[in-house]
N, C-alpha and C. Protein backbone atom coordinates (compact mmCIF):
# COMPACT_ATOMS: atom_id res chain seq x y z
N UNK A 1 -27.20 -58.14 -54.19
CA UNK A 1 -25.65 -57.89 -54.17
C UNK A 1 -25.36 -56.64 -53.68
N UNK A 2 -26.11 -55.99 -54.81
CA UNK A 2 -26.19 -54.25 -54.67
C UNK A 2 -26.45 -53.64 -53.47
N UNK A 3 -27.59 -54.44 -52.95
CA UNK A 3 -28.03 -54.16 -51.58
C UNK A 3 -27.07 -54.27 -50.39
N UNK A 4 -26.37 -55.65 -50.66
CA UNK A 4 -25.39 -56.13 -49.27
C UNK A 4 -24.28 -54.62 -49.87
N UNK A 5 -23.97 -54.41 -50.93
CA UNK A 5 -22.55 -53.79 -50.94
C UNK A 5 -23.18 -52.35 -50.40
N UNK A 6 -24.35 -51.99 -50.74
CA UNK A 6 -24.99 -50.30 -50.52
C UNK A 6 -24.54 -50.50 -49.06
N UNK A 7 -25.47 -51.67 -48.28
CA UNK A 7 -25.50 -51.53 -46.75
C UNK A 7 -23.97 -51.46 -45.83
N UNK A 8 -23.43 -52.60 -46.56
CA UNK A 8 -21.65 -52.32 -46.30
C UNK A 8 -21.31 -50.92 -45.85
N UNK A 9 -21.05 -50.22 -47.16
CA UNK A 9 -21.08 -49.06 -47.97
C UNK A 9 -21.47 -48.00 -46.39
N UNK A 10 -22.83 -48.30 -46.27
CA UNK A 10 -23.24 -47.38 -45.21
C UNK A 10 -22.72 -47.54 -43.66
N UNK A 11 -22.26 -48.91 -43.34
CA UNK A 11 -21.86 -49.35 -42.43
C UNK A 11 -20.54 -48.60 -41.93
N UNK A 12 -19.75 -48.56 -42.97
CA UNK A 12 -18.33 -48.03 -42.91
C UNK A 12 -18.63 -47.10 -42.71
N UNK A 13 -19.05 -46.14 -43.03
CA UNK A 13 -19.79 -44.76 -43.19
C UNK A 13 -19.98 -44.14 -41.73
N UNK A 14 -21.00 -45.29 -41.16
CA UNK A 14 -21.41 -44.92 -39.92
C UNK A 14 -20.13 -45.18 -38.64
N UNK A 15 -19.36 -45.97 -39.03
CA UNK A 15 -18.10 -46.43 -38.29
C UNK A 15 -17.04 -45.13 -38.42
N UNK A 16 -16.94 -44.44 -39.80
CA UNK A 16 -15.56 -43.29 -39.78
C UNK A 16 -16.40 -42.24 -39.16
N UNK A 17 -17.49 -41.59 -39.27
CA UNK A 17 -18.48 -40.96 -38.73
C UNK A 17 -17.97 -41.18 -36.57
N UNK A 18 -18.19 -42.63 -36.36
CA UNK A 18 -18.15 -42.79 -35.16
C UNK A 18 -16.30 -42.06 -34.59
N UNK A 19 -15.88 -43.01 -35.09
CA UNK A 19 -14.27 -42.34 -35.30
C UNK A 19 -13.61 -41.27 -35.22
N UNK A 20 -14.72 -40.39 -36.01
CA UNK A 20 -14.29 -39.26 -35.99
C UNK A 20 -14.66 -38.28 -34.81
N UNK A 21 -16.00 -38.39 -34.31
CA UNK A 21 -16.50 -38.06 -33.13
C UNK A 21 -15.70 -38.27 -31.88
N UNK A 22 -15.15 -39.62 -31.82
CA UNK A 22 -14.45 -40.16 -30.92
C UNK A 22 -13.23 -39.12 -30.51
N UNK A 23 -12.40 -38.94 -32.07
CA UNK A 23 -11.34 -38.69 -31.71
C UNK A 23 -11.66 -37.15 -31.61
N UNK A 24 -12.56 -36.36 -31.92
CA UNK A 24 -12.81 -35.14 -31.27
C UNK A 24 -12.99 -35.17 -30.20
N UNK A 25 -13.84 -36.23 -29.57
CA UNK A 25 -14.13 -35.94 -28.02
C UNK A 25 -13.10 -36.18 -27.43
N UNK A 26 -11.70 -37.03 -27.70
CA UNK A 26 -10.66 -36.94 -26.98
C UNK A 26 -9.99 -35.59 -26.71
N UNK A 27 -9.48 -35.06 -28.37
CA UNK A 27 -8.96 -34.11 -28.34
C UNK A 27 -9.79 -33.18 -27.69
N UNK A 28 -11.18 -32.66 -26.93
CA UNK A 28 -11.46 -31.70 -26.37
C UNK A 28 -11.09 -31.93 -24.85
N UNK A 29 -11.02 -33.48 -24.69
CA UNK A 29 -10.98 -33.61 -23.08
C UNK A 29 -9.72 -33.25 -22.63
N UNK A 30 -8.96 -34.08 -23.73
CA UNK A 30 -7.37 -33.38 -23.48
C UNK A 30 -7.16 -32.06 -23.15
N UNK A 31 -7.68 -30.77 -24.21
CA UNK A 31 -7.45 -29.60 -24.28
C UNK A 31 -8.12 -29.07 -23.08
N UNK A 32 -9.12 -29.99 -22.20
CA UNK A 32 -9.92 -29.08 -20.73
C UNK A 32 -9.27 -29.79 -19.52
N UNK A 33 -8.36 -31.03 -19.90
CA UNK A 33 -7.74 -31.26 -18.90
C UNK A 33 -6.64 -30.40 -18.80
N UNK A 34 -5.74 -29.89 -19.79
CA UNK A 34 -4.35 -29.07 -20.23
C UNK A 34 -5.50 -27.50 -19.58
N UNK A 35 -6.31 -27.08 -19.77
CA UNK A 35 -6.52 -25.92 -19.27
C UNK A 35 -7.45 -26.09 -17.81
N UNK A 36 -7.88 -27.10 -16.82
CA UNK A 36 -7.76 -27.46 -16.00
C UNK A 36 -6.58 -27.59 -14.82
N UNK A 37 -5.83 -28.44 -15.18
CA UNK A 37 -4.31 -28.19 -14.94
C UNK A 37 -3.79 -26.81 -14.85
N UNK A 38 -4.07 -25.94 -16.16
CA UNK A 38 -3.83 -24.72 -15.73
C UNK A 38 -4.21 -23.69 -14.48
N UNK A 39 -5.70 -23.81 -14.25
CA UNK A 39 -6.51 -23.33 -13.18
C UNK A 39 -5.91 -23.85 -11.91
N UNK A 40 -5.55 -24.67 -11.91
CA UNK A 40 -4.99 -25.34 -10.29
C UNK A 40 -3.34 -24.90 -10.29
N UNK A 41 -2.84 -24.11 -11.05
CA UNK A 41 -1.71 -23.81 -10.79
C UNK A 41 -1.22 -22.50 -10.68
N UNK A 42 -2.66 -21.67 -10.52
CA UNK A 42 -3.29 -20.19 -11.06
C UNK A 42 -3.21 -19.82 -9.29
N UNK A 43 -2.88 -19.00 -8.60
CA UNK A 43 -2.89 -18.41 -7.23
C UNK A 43 -4.36 -18.60 -6.94
N UNK A 44 -5.08 -18.55 -5.75
CA UNK A 44 -6.45 -18.65 -5.23
C UNK A 44 -6.92 -17.99 -5.62
N UNK A 45 -6.51 -16.54 -5.84
CA UNK A 45 -7.41 -15.13 -5.87
C UNK A 45 -6.94 -14.74 -7.41
N UNK A 46 -6.93 -15.96 -7.94
CA UNK A 46 -6.50 -15.35 -9.65
C UNK A 46 -7.43 -14.39 -10.20
N UNK A 47 -8.85 -15.36 -9.79
CA UNK A 47 -9.88 -14.47 -10.61
C UNK A 47 -10.57 -13.26 -10.15
N UNK A 48 -10.30 -13.40 -8.86
CA UNK A 48 -10.78 -11.88 -8.04
C UNK A 48 -9.52 -10.92 -8.95
N UNK A 49 -7.91 -10.78 -8.52
CA UNK A 49 -7.40 -10.38 -9.49
C UNK A 49 -7.99 -9.78 -11.01
N UNK A 50 -8.24 -10.91 -11.66
CA UNK A 50 -8.55 -10.74 -13.09
C UNK A 50 -10.21 -9.49 -13.54
N UNK A 51 -10.63 -10.13 -12.33
CA UNK A 51 -12.01 -9.07 -12.52
C UNK A 51 -11.57 -7.92 -11.86
N UNK A 52 -10.63 -7.56 -10.70
CA UNK A 52 -10.32 -6.41 -10.45
C UNK A 52 -9.81 -5.43 -11.70
N UNK A 53 -8.52 -6.20 -12.51
CA UNK A 53 -7.82 -5.47 -13.49
C UNK A 53 -8.99 -5.36 -14.93
N UNK A 54 -9.90 -6.18 -15.42
CA UNK A 54 -10.65 -5.62 -15.86
C UNK A 54 -11.44 -4.55 -15.76
N UNK A 55 -11.82 -4.45 -14.36
CA UNK A 55 -12.95 -3.45 -13.80
C UNK A 55 -11.68 -2.37 -14.34
N UNK A 56 -10.39 -2.13 -13.72
CA UNK A 56 -9.74 -0.88 -13.84
C UNK A 56 -9.71 -0.81 -15.34
N UNK A 57 -9.34 -1.84 -16.20
CA UNK A 57 -9.52 -1.30 -17.58
C UNK A 57 -10.61 -0.66 -18.33
N UNK A 58 -11.43 -1.04 -18.10
CA UNK A 58 -13.15 -0.94 -17.88
C UNK A 58 -12.94 0.75 -17.79
N UNK A 59 -12.91 1.08 -16.22
CA UNK A 59 -12.78 2.51 -15.62
C UNK A 59 -11.81 3.85 -16.50
N UNK A 60 -10.66 3.07 -17.03
CA UNK A 60 -9.53 3.97 -17.57
C UNK A 60 -10.30 4.49 -19.02
N UNK A 61 -10.84 3.46 -19.56
CA UNK A 61 -11.43 3.51 -20.52
C UNK A 61 -12.67 4.78 -20.91
N UNK A 62 -13.21 4.41 -19.71
CA UNK A 62 -14.44 5.33 -19.61
C UNK A 62 -13.90 6.87 -19.19
N UNK A 63 -12.77 6.93 -18.15
CA UNK A 63 -12.56 8.27 -18.05
C UNK A 63 -11.68 8.78 -19.29
N UNK A 64 -11.25 8.16 -20.04
CA UNK A 64 -10.71 8.75 -21.14
C UNK A 64 -11.41 9.03 -22.35
N UNK A 65 -12.66 8.28 -22.59
CA UNK A 65 -13.74 8.71 -23.31
C UNK A 65 -14.46 10.09 -22.87
N UNK A 66 -14.58 10.00 -21.33
CA UNK A 66 -14.90 11.41 -20.72
C UNK A 66 -14.18 12.57 -20.73
N UNK A 67 -12.69 12.37 -20.83
CA UNK A 67 -11.73 13.27 -20.83
C UNK A 67 -12.22 14.17 -22.65
N UNK A 68 -12.21 12.89 -23.60
CA UNK A 68 -12.20 12.96 -25.19
C UNK A 68 -13.40 13.93 -25.23
N UNK A 69 -14.40 13.59 -24.63
CA UNK A 69 -15.86 14.57 -25.00
C UNK A 69 -16.03 15.61 -24.12
N UNK A 70 -15.20 16.04 -22.87
CA UNK A 70 -15.26 17.29 -21.97
C UNK A 70 -15.97 17.23 -20.96
N UNK A 71 -16.22 15.79 -20.74
CA UNK A 71 -16.97 15.62 -19.25
C UNK A 71 -16.50 14.88 -18.36
N UNK A 72 -17.18 15.56 -17.29
CA UNK A 72 -16.66 15.15 -15.91
C UNK A 72 -17.21 13.60 -15.54
N UNK A 73 -16.34 12.79 -15.57
CA UNK A 73 -16.11 11.31 -15.21
C UNK A 73 -16.95 10.80 -13.90
N UNK A 74 -16.50 11.81 -13.35
CA UNK A 74 -16.72 11.77 -11.86
C UNK A 74 -18.75 11.86 -11.27
N UNK A 75 -19.17 13.00 -12.25
CA UNK A 75 -20.03 13.11 -12.36
C UNK A 75 -21.38 12.23 -13.08
N UNK A 76 -20.38 11.64 -14.22
CA UNK A 76 -21.35 10.93 -14.60
C UNK A 76 -21.18 9.37 -14.30
N UNK A 77 -20.33 8.91 -13.29
CA UNK A 77 -20.38 7.60 -12.53
C UNK A 77 -21.62 7.88 -11.68
N UNK A 78 -21.60 9.30 -10.56
CA UNK A 78 -23.00 9.51 -10.33
C UNK A 78 -24.03 9.76 -10.50
N UNK A 79 -24.13 9.64 -12.09
CA UNK A 79 -25.67 9.58 -12.37
C UNK A 79 -26.10 7.90 -12.33
N UNK A 80 -25.03 6.94 -12.42
CA UNK A 80 -25.56 5.73 -12.96
C UNK A 80 -25.82 4.94 -11.51
N UNK A 81 -25.39 5.46 -10.65
CA UNK A 81 -25.92 5.27 -8.92
C UNK A 81 -26.86 5.45 -8.47
N UNK A 82 -27.64 4.57 -7.34
CA UNK A 82 -28.81 5.07 -6.73
C UNK A 82 -28.37 5.92 -5.72
N UNK A 83 -29.46 6.05 -5.24
CA UNK A 83 -28.93 7.29 -3.81
C UNK A 83 -28.65 6.52 -2.79
N UNK A 84 -29.12 5.68 -2.27
CA UNK A 84 -28.88 4.79 -0.97
C UNK A 84 -27.59 3.77 -1.48
N UNK A 85 -27.30 3.78 -2.57
CA UNK A 85 -25.66 3.04 -2.59
C UNK A 85 -24.75 4.01 -2.54
N UNK A 86 -25.29 5.39 -2.85
CA UNK A 86 -24.20 6.69 -2.50
C UNK A 86 -24.12 7.34 -1.01
N UNK A 87 -24.93 6.73 -0.23
CA UNK A 87 -25.16 6.87 1.08
C UNK A 87 -24.46 5.97 1.95
N UNK A 88 -24.37 4.84 1.36
CA UNK A 88 -23.66 3.81 2.23
C UNK A 88 -22.53 4.23 1.90
N UNK A 89 -21.70 4.43 0.77
CA UNK A 89 -20.63 4.67 0.61
C UNK A 89 -19.86 6.12 1.28
N UNK A 90 -20.73 7.14 1.55
CA UNK A 90 -20.41 8.19 2.01
C UNK A 90 -20.58 7.79 3.84
N UNK A 91 -21.25 7.02 4.09
CA UNK A 91 -21.54 6.58 5.56
C UNK A 91 -19.61 5.86 6.13
N UNK A 92 -19.70 4.80 5.01
CA UNK A 92 -18.29 3.89 5.07
C UNK A 92 -17.34 4.98 5.34
N UNK A 93 -17.33 6.29 4.19
CA UNK A 93 -16.19 7.14 4.25
C UNK A 93 -15.93 7.70 5.66
N UNK A 94 -16.86 8.20 5.87
CA UNK A 94 -16.98 9.00 7.26
C UNK A 94 -16.62 8.11 8.45
N UNK A 95 -16.96 6.67 8.70
CA UNK A 95 -16.64 5.63 9.28
C UNK A 95 -15.23 5.42 9.48
N UNK A 96 -14.45 5.69 8.17
CA UNK A 96 -13.06 5.06 8.51
C UNK A 96 -12.51 6.03 9.23
N UNK A 97 -11.29 5.10 9.97
CA UNK A 97 -10.59 6.23 10.83
C UNK A 97 -9.15 6.84 10.13
N UNK A 98 -8.99 7.60 10.02
CA UNK A 98 -7.34 7.83 9.09
C UNK A 98 -6.30 7.48 10.23
N UNK A 99 -6.72 7.50 11.62
CA UNK A 99 -5.15 7.52 12.27
C UNK A 99 -5.96 6.22 13.26
N UNK A 100 -5.09 5.43 13.18
CA UNK A 100 -5.59 3.93 13.78
C UNK A 100 -4.74 3.83 15.38
N UNK A 101 -3.80 5.08 15.67
CA UNK A 101 -3.40 5.17 16.46
C UNK A 101 -2.00 4.48 16.63
N UNK A 102 -1.50 4.62 17.84
CA UNK A 102 0.02 4.23 18.31
C UNK A 102 0.03 2.93 18.11
N UNK A 103 0.87 2.01 17.43
CA UNK A 103 0.90 0.37 17.47
C UNK A 103 2.33 0.31 17.60
N UNK A 104 3.55 1.06 16.65
CA UNK A 104 4.78 0.73 17.33
C UNK A 104 5.98 1.88 16.62
N UNK A 105 7.05 2.10 16.75
CA UNK A 105 7.83 3.31 16.38
C UNK A 105 7.91 3.15 14.85
N UNK A 106 8.07 2.01 14.38
CA UNK A 106 8.26 1.71 13.34
C UNK A 106 6.98 2.40 12.24
N UNK A 107 6.27 1.88 12.51
CA UNK A 107 4.49 2.47 11.58
C UNK A 107 4.38 3.88 12.12
N UNK A 108 4.67 4.37 12.89
CA UNK A 108 4.25 5.82 13.85
C UNK A 108 5.55 6.87 12.85
N UNK A 109 6.45 6.03 12.56
CA UNK A 109 7.68 6.83 11.40
C UNK A 109 7.14 6.83 10.04
N UNK A 110 6.84 5.96 9.75
CA UNK A 110 6.07 5.66 8.36
C UNK A 110 5.07 6.11 8.14
N UNK A 111 4.23 6.13 9.24
CA UNK A 111 2.74 7.10 8.82
C UNK A 111 2.80 8.79 8.75
N UNK A 112 4.12 9.21 9.85
CA UNK A 112 4.47 10.50 9.69
C UNK A 112 5.34 10.82 8.20
N UNK A 113 5.96 10.10 7.98
CA UNK A 113 6.95 10.24 6.66
C UNK A 113 5.65 10.46 5.48
N UNK A 114 4.56 9.35 5.72
CA UNK A 114 3.72 9.84 4.52
C UNK A 114 2.98 10.84 4.39
N UNK A 115 2.72 11.25 5.52
CA UNK A 115 1.92 12.66 5.94
C UNK A 115 3.03 14.11 5.55
N UNK A 116 4.59 13.72 5.59
CA UNK A 116 5.20 15.02 5.34
C UNK A 116 5.45 14.73 4.00
N UNK A 117 5.32 13.94 3.26
CA UNK A 117 5.69 13.61 1.71
C UNK A 117 3.77 13.96 0.97
N UNK A 118 2.80 13.60 1.23
CA UNK A 118 1.40 14.02 1.47
C UNK A 118 1.63 15.86 0.91
N UNK A 119 1.94 16.20 1.70
CA UNK A 119 1.95 17.63 2.20
C UNK A 119 3.17 18.74 1.58
N UNK A 120 4.17 17.73 0.62
CA UNK A 120 5.18 18.58 0.21
C UNK A 120 5.12 19.01 -0.96
N UNK A 121 5.55 20.38 -1.56
CA UNK A 121 4.89 21.12 -2.68
C UNK A 121 6.25 21.74 -2.78
N UNK A 122 6.95 20.88 -3.52
CA UNK A 122 8.42 21.22 -4.56
C UNK A 122 8.09 22.21 -5.24
N UNK A 123 9.17 23.17 -5.18
CA UNK A 123 9.41 24.23 -6.06
C UNK A 123 10.75 24.04 -7.05
N UNK A 124 9.71 23.70 -8.43
CA UNK A 124 10.61 23.35 -9.72
C UNK A 124 11.34 24.67 -10.27
N UNK A 125 10.68 25.79 -9.56
CA UNK A 125 12.12 26.47 -9.88
C UNK A 125 13.34 26.79 -9.57
N UNK A 126 13.15 26.65 -7.81
CA UNK A 126 14.43 26.37 -7.20
C UNK A 126 14.95 25.10 -7.45
N UNK A 127 14.02 24.09 -7.68
CA UNK A 127 15.20 22.66 -8.29
C UNK A 127 16.04 23.01 -9.49
N UNK A 128 15.27 23.77 -10.59
CA UNK A 128 15.95 23.86 -12.12
C UNK A 128 17.22 24.80 -11.79
N UNK A 129 17.56 25.87 -11.23
CA UNK A 129 18.51 26.75 -10.55
C UNK A 129 19.32 25.65 -9.95
N UNK A 130 19.01 25.18 -8.69
CA UNK A 130 20.07 24.44 -7.89
C UNK A 130 20.64 23.09 -8.86
N UNK A 131 19.81 22.63 -10.33
CA UNK A 131 20.59 21.84 -10.84
C UNK A 131 21.48 22.49 -11.82
N UNK A 132 21.30 23.53 -11.93
CA UNK A 132 22.18 24.27 -13.03
C UNK A 132 23.32 24.70 -12.05
N UNK A 133 23.26 25.17 -11.09
CA UNK A 133 24.18 25.86 -10.39
C UNK A 133 25.27 24.58 -10.24
N UNK A 134 24.76 23.53 -9.54
CA UNK A 134 25.55 22.15 -9.14
C UNK A 134 26.60 21.56 -9.94
N UNK A 135 25.02 21.32 -11.41
CA UNK A 135 25.76 20.54 -12.41
C UNK A 135 26.10 19.08 -12.08
N UNK A 136 27.27 18.64 -12.40
CA UNK A 136 27.16 17.07 -12.55
C UNK A 136 26.95 16.85 -10.83
N UNK A 137 27.70 17.74 -9.74
CA UNK A 137 27.22 17.38 -8.55
C UNK A 137 25.85 17.00 -7.98
N UNK A 138 25.14 17.47 -8.96
CA UNK A 138 23.93 17.38 -8.55
C UNK A 138 23.02 15.87 -8.44
N UNK A 139 23.54 15.08 -9.12
CA UNK A 139 23.13 13.62 -9.09
C UNK A 139 24.99 12.98 -7.81
N UNK A 140 24.72 13.31 -7.00
CA UNK A 140 26.43 12.90 -6.73
C UNK A 140 26.46 11.29 -6.73
N UNK A 141 27.59 11.04 -6.77
CA UNK A 141 27.64 9.43 -6.48
C UNK A 141 28.71 9.24 -5.36
N UNK A 142 29.50 8.35 -4.70
CA UNK A 142 30.39 8.38 -3.60
C UNK A 142 31.57 8.91 -3.75
N UNK A 143 31.62 9.74 -4.82
CA UNK A 143 33.11 10.07 -5.36
C UNK A 143 33.16 11.70 -5.42
N UNK A 144 31.66 12.25 -4.45
CA UNK A 144 31.53 13.31 -4.99
C UNK A 144 31.48 14.16 -3.35
N UNK A 145 32.02 15.17 -3.43
CA UNK A 145 32.11 15.85 -2.25
C UNK A 145 30.84 17.05 -2.14
N UNK A 146 30.09 16.82 -1.65
CA UNK A 146 28.67 17.75 -1.41
C UNK A 146 28.86 18.81 -0.31
N UNK A 147 29.39 18.53 0.66
CA UNK A 147 29.93 19.35 1.44
C UNK A 147 30.29 20.94 1.17
N UNK A 148 29.47 21.72 1.71
CA UNK A 148 29.52 23.44 1.47
C UNK A 148 29.03 23.63 0.21
N UNK A 149 28.51 22.67 -0.79
CA UNK A 149 27.65 23.03 -2.06
C UNK A 149 26.51 23.77 -1.86
N UNK A 150 25.40 23.09 -0.96
CA UNK A 150 24.26 23.61 -0.67
C UNK A 150 24.09 24.10 0.15
N UNK A 151 23.26 25.46 0.68
CA UNK A 151 22.89 26.25 1.63
C UNK A 151 21.48 26.33 1.60
N UNK A 152 20.99 26.06 2.93
CA UNK A 152 19.46 26.41 2.99
C UNK A 152 18.94 27.63 2.87
N UNK A 153 17.83 27.91 2.51
CA UNK A 153 17.53 29.35 2.42
C UNK A 153 16.83 29.34 3.31
N UNK A 154 17.06 31.11 3.93
CA UNK A 154 15.62 31.39 5.26
C UNK A 154 14.67 31.18 5.16
N UNK A 155 13.67 31.16 3.94
CA UNK A 155 12.49 30.23 3.64
C UNK A 155 12.64 29.07 4.41
N UNK A 156 13.10 28.11 4.00
CA UNK A 156 13.43 26.53 4.04
C UNK A 156 13.62 26.56 5.49
N UNK A 157 14.75 27.25 5.78
CA UNK A 157 14.75 26.80 7.78
C UNK A 157 13.39 27.00 8.52
N UNK A 158 12.70 28.37 8.14
CA UNK A 158 11.63 28.77 8.99
C UNK A 158 10.74 27.42 8.60
N UNK A 159 10.29 27.19 7.43
CA UNK A 159 9.41 26.45 7.12
C UNK A 159 9.78 25.24 8.01
N UNK A 160 11.09 24.68 8.14
CA UNK A 160 11.65 23.26 8.74
C UNK A 160 10.75 23.77 10.50
N UNK A 161 11.40 25.11 10.74
CA UNK A 161 11.06 25.55 12.49
C UNK A 161 9.74 25.43 12.59
N UNK A 162 8.80 25.80 11.66
CA UNK A 162 7.02 26.01 11.70
C UNK A 162 6.70 24.49 11.90
N UNK A 163 7.62 23.63 11.32
CA UNK A 163 7.25 22.20 10.86
C UNK A 163 7.41 21.44 12.12
N UNK A 164 8.37 21.63 12.79
CA UNK A 164 8.76 21.38 14.43
C UNK A 164 7.57 21.90 15.40
N UNK A 165 7.24 22.82 15.07
CA UNK A 165 7.00 23.61 16.24
C UNK A 165 5.58 22.86 15.92
N UNK A 166 4.95 22.59 14.74
CA UNK A 166 2.98 21.95 14.71
C UNK A 166 3.22 20.77 14.98
N UNK A 167 4.39 19.74 15.00
CA UNK A 167 4.68 18.15 15.59
C UNK A 167 4.66 18.67 17.24
N UNK A 168 5.26 19.43 18.18
CA UNK A 168 5.65 19.84 19.15
C UNK A 168 3.96 20.11 19.78
N UNK A 169 3.25 20.61 19.21
CA UNK A 169 2.28 21.60 19.52
C UNK A 169 1.08 20.42 19.91
N UNK A 170 1.01 19.09 18.46
CA UNK A 170 0.00 18.06 18.16
C UNK A 170 0.37 17.39 19.16
N UNK A 171 2.05 16.96 19.69
CA UNK A 171 2.06 15.81 20.61
C UNK A 171 1.27 16.25 21.96
N UNK A 172 1.49 17.73 22.31
CA UNK A 172 1.15 18.01 23.54
C UNK A 172 -0.52 18.25 23.69
N UNK A 173 -0.93 18.26 22.51
CA UNK A 173 -2.45 18.02 22.36
C UNK A 173 -3.18 16.77 22.74
N UNK A 174 -2.60 15.89 22.13
CA UNK A 174 -2.54 14.63 22.18
C UNK A 174 -2.23 13.84 23.59
N UNK A 175 -1.27 14.56 23.78
CA UNK A 175 -1.11 13.66 25.45
C UNK A 175 -2.03 13.82 26.61
N UNK A 176 -2.58 12.87 26.98
CA UNK A 176 -3.13 13.45 28.45
C UNK A 176 -2.63 12.79 29.72
N UNK A 177 -2.91 13.82 30.65
CA UNK A 177 -2.13 14.03 32.03
C UNK A 177 -2.45 12.71 32.83
N UNK A 178 -1.15 11.77 33.02
CA UNK A 178 -1.71 10.54 34.36
C UNK A 178 -1.39 10.93 35.38
N UNK A 179 -1.70 9.94 36.32
CA UNK A 179 -1.98 9.88 37.62
C UNK A 179 -0.32 10.00 38.38
N UNK A 180 0.47 10.56 38.72
CA UNK A 180 2.08 10.81 39.66
C UNK A 180 1.93 9.97 40.32
N UNK A 181 3.17 9.24 40.33
CA UNK A 181 3.04 8.33 41.25
C UNK A 181 4.77 8.65 42.26
N UNK A 182 4.38 8.97 43.34
CA UNK A 182 5.43 9.43 43.99
C UNK A 182 6.69 8.52 44.45
N UNK A 183 6.34 7.30 44.30
CA UNK A 183 6.79 6.61 44.83
C UNK A 183 7.84 5.66 43.97
N UNK A 184 7.56 6.10 42.61
CA UNK A 184 7.91 5.43 41.17
C UNK A 184 9.36 5.48 40.90
N UNK A 185 10.49 4.64 40.59
CA UNK A 185 11.77 5.23 40.65
C UNK A 185 12.12 6.20 39.41
N UNK A 186 13.07 7.22 39.94
CA UNK A 186 12.72 8.43 38.83
C UNK A 186 14.25 7.99 38.17
N UNK A 187 13.88 7.72 36.81
CA UNK A 187 14.72 7.36 35.72
C UNK A 187 15.02 7.83 34.52
N UNK A 188 14.29 9.37 34.71
CA UNK A 188 14.21 10.00 33.37
C UNK A 188 14.88 11.73 34.04
N UNK A 189 15.16 12.46 32.89
CA UNK A 189 15.90 14.16 33.44
C UNK A 189 14.55 15.17 32.96
N UNK A 190 13.28 14.63 32.54
CA UNK A 190 12.18 15.59 32.11
C UNK A 190 10.92 14.86 31.49
N UNK A 191 10.20 15.73 31.61
CA UNK A 191 8.73 14.82 31.21
C UNK A 191 8.96 14.10 29.94
N UNK A 192 9.26 14.71 28.90
CA UNK A 192 8.89 14.06 27.52
C UNK A 192 10.22 12.71 27.89
N UNK A 193 10.99 12.51 28.30
CA UNK A 193 12.10 11.58 28.45
C UNK A 193 11.53 10.33 29.34
N UNK A 194 10.61 11.18 30.65
CA UNK A 194 9.68 10.04 31.12
C UNK A 194 8.90 9.18 30.10
N UNK A 195 8.08 9.75 29.64
CA UNK A 195 7.18 9.47 28.59
C UNK A 195 7.68 8.19 27.44
N UNK A 196 8.80 8.86 27.20
CA UNK A 196 9.85 7.79 26.59
C UNK A 196 10.17 6.88 26.97
N UNK A 197 11.14 6.43 28.33
CA UNK A 197 10.91 5.58 29.20
C UNK A 197 9.58 4.44 29.20
N UNK A 198 8.72 5.07 29.20
CA UNK A 198 7.11 4.31 29.66
C UNK A 198 7.03 3.64 28.80
N UNK A 199 7.20 4.08 27.37
CA UNK A 199 7.17 3.13 26.11
C UNK A 199 8.06 2.27 26.00
N UNK A 200 9.08 2.39 26.10
CA UNK A 200 10.33 1.37 26.06
C UNK A 200 10.10 0.53 27.26
N UNK A 201 9.43 0.79 28.49
CA UNK A 201 9.21 -0.09 29.46
C UNK A 201 8.11 -1.35 28.68
N UNK A 202 6.81 -0.30 28.28
CA UNK A 202 5.88 -1.40 28.33
C UNK A 202 6.44 -2.44 27.00
N UNK A 203 7.28 -2.00 25.92
CA UNK A 203 7.33 -2.92 25.14
C UNK A 203 8.96 -3.88 25.43
N UNK A 204 9.47 -3.51 26.16
CA UNK A 204 10.54 -4.47 26.46
C UNK A 204 10.96 -4.44 27.91
N UNK A 205 10.54 -4.03 28.80
CA UNK A 205 10.36 -4.23 30.36
C UNK A 205 10.60 -5.80 30.50
N UNK A 206 9.59 -7.01 29.97
CA UNK A 206 9.64 -7.99 30.06
C UNK A 206 11.11 -8.40 29.91
N UNK A 207 12.07 -7.93 29.24
CA UNK A 207 12.82 -8.96 28.64
C UNK A 207 14.52 -8.05 29.19
N UNK A 208 13.84 -7.06 29.84
CA UNK A 208 15.20 -6.15 30.57
C UNK A 208 15.40 -6.15 32.19
N UNK A 209 13.87 -6.86 32.69
CA UNK A 209 13.87 -6.66 33.97
C UNK A 209 14.89 -7.01 34.85
N UNK A 210 15.18 -8.40 34.24
CA UNK A 210 16.36 -9.02 35.55
C UNK A 210 17.46 -8.47 35.30
N UNK A 211 17.59 -7.59 34.10
CA UNK A 211 18.91 -7.04 33.96
C UNK A 211 18.79 -5.52 34.89
N UNK A 212 17.91 -4.58 34.94
CA UNK A 212 17.59 -3.86 36.19
C UNK A 212 18.14 -4.41 36.97
N UNK A 213 17.23 -5.67 37.44
CA UNK A 213 17.75 -5.80 39.10
C UNK A 213 19.03 -6.11 39.62
N UNK A 214 19.74 -6.68 38.57
CA UNK A 214 21.22 -7.00 38.64
C UNK A 214 21.95 -5.96 38.37
N UNK A 215 21.23 -4.61 38.21
CA UNK A 215 22.53 -3.54 38.29
C UNK A 215 22.02 -2.33 39.49
N UNK A 216 20.98 -2.91 39.36
CA UNK A 216 19.99 -2.11 41.06
C UNK A 216 20.78 -2.73 42.54
N UNK A 217 21.23 -3.94 42.21
CA UNK A 217 21.60 -4.90 43.58
C UNK A 217 23.25 -4.71 43.51
N UNK A 218 23.99 -4.64 42.33
CA UNK A 218 25.37 -4.07 42.03
C UNK A 218 25.63 -5.70 41.59
N UNK A 219 24.79 -6.58 40.93
CA UNK A 219 25.29 -8.26 41.04
C UNK A 219 25.47 -8.08 39.60
N UNK A 220 25.15 -6.92 38.53
CA UNK A 220 25.75 -7.82 37.14
C UNK A 220 26.99 -7.87 36.66
N UNK A 221 26.98 -8.76 35.55
CA UNK A 221 28.59 -8.84 34.97
C UNK A 221 29.13 -8.39 34.33
């Protein structure tokens, strides 16, 4: 009788252990399903962004440690890289063309703006003087009349003139001489206007050709 009770207790113990393991497996499976659903809802490039963010954090940490120790981080970084890796990086940097050429007027304007902003060196002393002089009008709103409050200095005017002259010289340097067609229509007033009209014709000529023909025939509505 005692052996039977002992065997029964042993079977119940094993059964409870199986139930416990089954519940643990069920919970783990449920958690894994939730995690997989979260991963599926993330953007496709989430892992790449995560690795990039971790790399940037590690870079910032190493830079901060180098600054605290008074060391040059870029030099330390170069010591950890092989000569062949550095050569490949330098070759890629040399091959990279910073000027992709003309694509459209909007991109050209953005590139020129970024170039001018990059070369801009603000005069903080003049900035503070003007701020003190104008007072509340320095941060103008729609109720502020700013006409006559500001006068450009001769140095600023000279700097602007030099910048415009440099732009003109650069355009003249990169403009190539094109073959002159004596039979072409004269729809320009000078050479610069002729180049501008050709650019307009290249981008919008297919849309305005019929209107132009009607105007020439005198049949435009």
